Amino acid sequence: MRTEGIAEQLQLHPQVKPKVDRGYRGLANDFPHQVQAPPRTPKDDVIGREVRLA
């Protein structure tokens, strides 16, 4: 799939709200109110530890 120009198209069409996979985190960071991406995965050192919420 060609990805060139996606950012430009999102700027030209702000009403478009795409859902993307993890490979497009950069677009989700650049267009947080427009692009929906899955949440970031935790770093390896956090996996397996118990997390306590206050």
C-alpha atoms as a PDB file:
ATOM      1  CA  MET A   1       0.000   0.000   0.000  1.00  0.00           C
ATOM      2  CA  ARG A   2       1.298   3.444  -0.830  1.00  0.00           C
ATOM      3  CA  THR A   3       1.456   5.660   2.217  1.00  0.00           C
ATOM      4  CA  GLU A   4       2.888   8.789   0.620  1.00  0.00           C
ATOM      5  CA  GLY A   5       0.536  11.710   0.896  1.00  0.00           C
ATOM      6  CA  ILE A   6      -1.699  10.303   3.621  1.00  0.00           C
ATOM      7  CA  ALA A   7      -0.877  13.202   5.947  1.00  0.00           C
ATOM      8  CA  GLU A   8      -1.619  15.685   3.179  1.00  0.00           C
ATOM      9  CA  GLN A   9      -4.958  14.003   2.472  1.00  0.00           C
ATOM     10  CA  LEU A  10      -5.858  14.089   6.169  1.00  0.00           C
ATOM     11  CA  GLN A  11      -5.131  17.830   6.205  1.00  0.00           C
ATOM     12  CA  LEU A  12      -7.266  18.374   3.113  1.00  0.00           C
ATOM     13  CA  HIS A  13     -10.150  16.271   4.473  1.00  0.00           C
ATOM     14  CA  PRO A  14     -10.408  16.869   8.245  1.00  0.00           C
ATOM     15  CA  GLN A  15     -13.840  15.198   8.362  1.00  0.00           C
ATOM     16  CA  VAL A  16     -12.228  11.812   7.548  1.00  0.00           C
ATOM     17  CA  LYS A  17     -11.493   9.776  10.686  1.00  0.00           C
ATOM     18  CA  PRO A  18      -9.565   6.623   9.725  1.00  0.00           C
ATOM     19  CA  LYS A  19      -8.885   3.663  11.991  1.00  0.00           C
ATOM     20  CA  VAL A  20      -5.344   2.358  11.506  1.00  0.00           C
ATOM     21  CA  ASP A  21      -3.150  -0.433  12.834  1.00  0.00           C
ATOM     22  CA  ARG A  22      -0.001  -0.142  14.975  1.00  0.00           C
ATOM     23  CA  GLY A  23       2.183   0.584  11.969  1.00  0.00           C
ATOM     24  CA  TYR A  24       0.621   4.025  11.633  1.00  0.00           C
ATOM     25  CA  ARG A  25       1.286   5.328  15.176  1.00  0.00           C
ATOM     26  CA  GLY A  26       3.081   8.315  13.650  1.00  0.00           C
ATOM     27  CA  LEU A  27      -0.081   9.421  11.877  1.00  0.00           C
ATOM     28  CA  ALA A  28      -2.048   8.950  15.081  1.00  0.00           C
ATOM     29  CA  ASN A  29       0.484  11.111  16.921  1.00  0.00           C
ATOM     30  CA  ASP A  30       0.400  13.797  14.213  1.00  0.00           C
ATOM     31  CA  PHE A  31      -3.416  13.791  13.939  1.00  0.00           C
ATOM     32  CA  PRO A  32      -4.643  12.740  17.413  1.00  0.00           C
ATOM     33  CA  HIS A  33      -8.207  14.019  16.962  1.00  0.00           C
ATOM     34  CA  GLN A  34      -8.571  12.477  13.531  1.00  0.00           C
ATOM     35  CA  VAL A  35      -6.715   9.121  13.384  1.00  0.00           C
ATOM     36  CA  GLN A  36      -7.619   6.225  15.697  1.00  0.00           C
ATOM     37  CA  ALA A  37      -4.851   3.694  16.383  1.00  0.00           C
ATOM     38  CA  PRO A  38      -4.549   0.884  18.942  1.00  0.00           C
ATOM     39  CA  PRO A  39      -2.975   1.884  22.258  1.00  0.00           C
ATOM     40  CA  ARG A  40       0.772   1.617  22.606  1.00  0.00           C
ATOM     41  CA  THR A  41       2.052  -1.674  23.990  1.00  0.00           C
ATOM     42  CA  PRO A  42       3.888  -1.533  27.322  1.00  0.00           C
ATOM     43  CA  LYS A  43       7.659  -1.741  27.337  1.00  0.00           C
ATOM     44  CA  ASP A  44       9.191  -5.192  27.892  1.00  0.00           C
ATOM     45  CA  ASP A  45      10.371  -4.388  31.417  1.00  0.00           C
ATOM     46  CA  VAL A  46       6.790  -3.680  32.524  1.00  0.00           C
ATOM     47  CA  ILE A  47       5.336  -6.955  31.250  1.00  0.00           C
ATOM     48  CA  GLY A  48       4.966  -9.503  34.022  1.00  0.00           C
ATOM     49  CA  ARG A  49       5.181  -7.013  36.875  1.00  0.00           C
ATOM     50  CA  GLU A  50       2.283  -6.374  39.152  1.00  0.00           C
ATOM     51  CA  VAL A  51       0.895  -2.886  38.738  1.00  0.00           C
ATOM     52  CA  ARG A  52      -0.811  -1.298  41.715  1.00  0.00           C
ATOM     53  CA  LEU A  53      -3.143   1.606  41.272  1.00  0.00           C
ATOM     54  CA  ALA A  54      -3.455   4.128  44.083  1.00  0.00           C
END
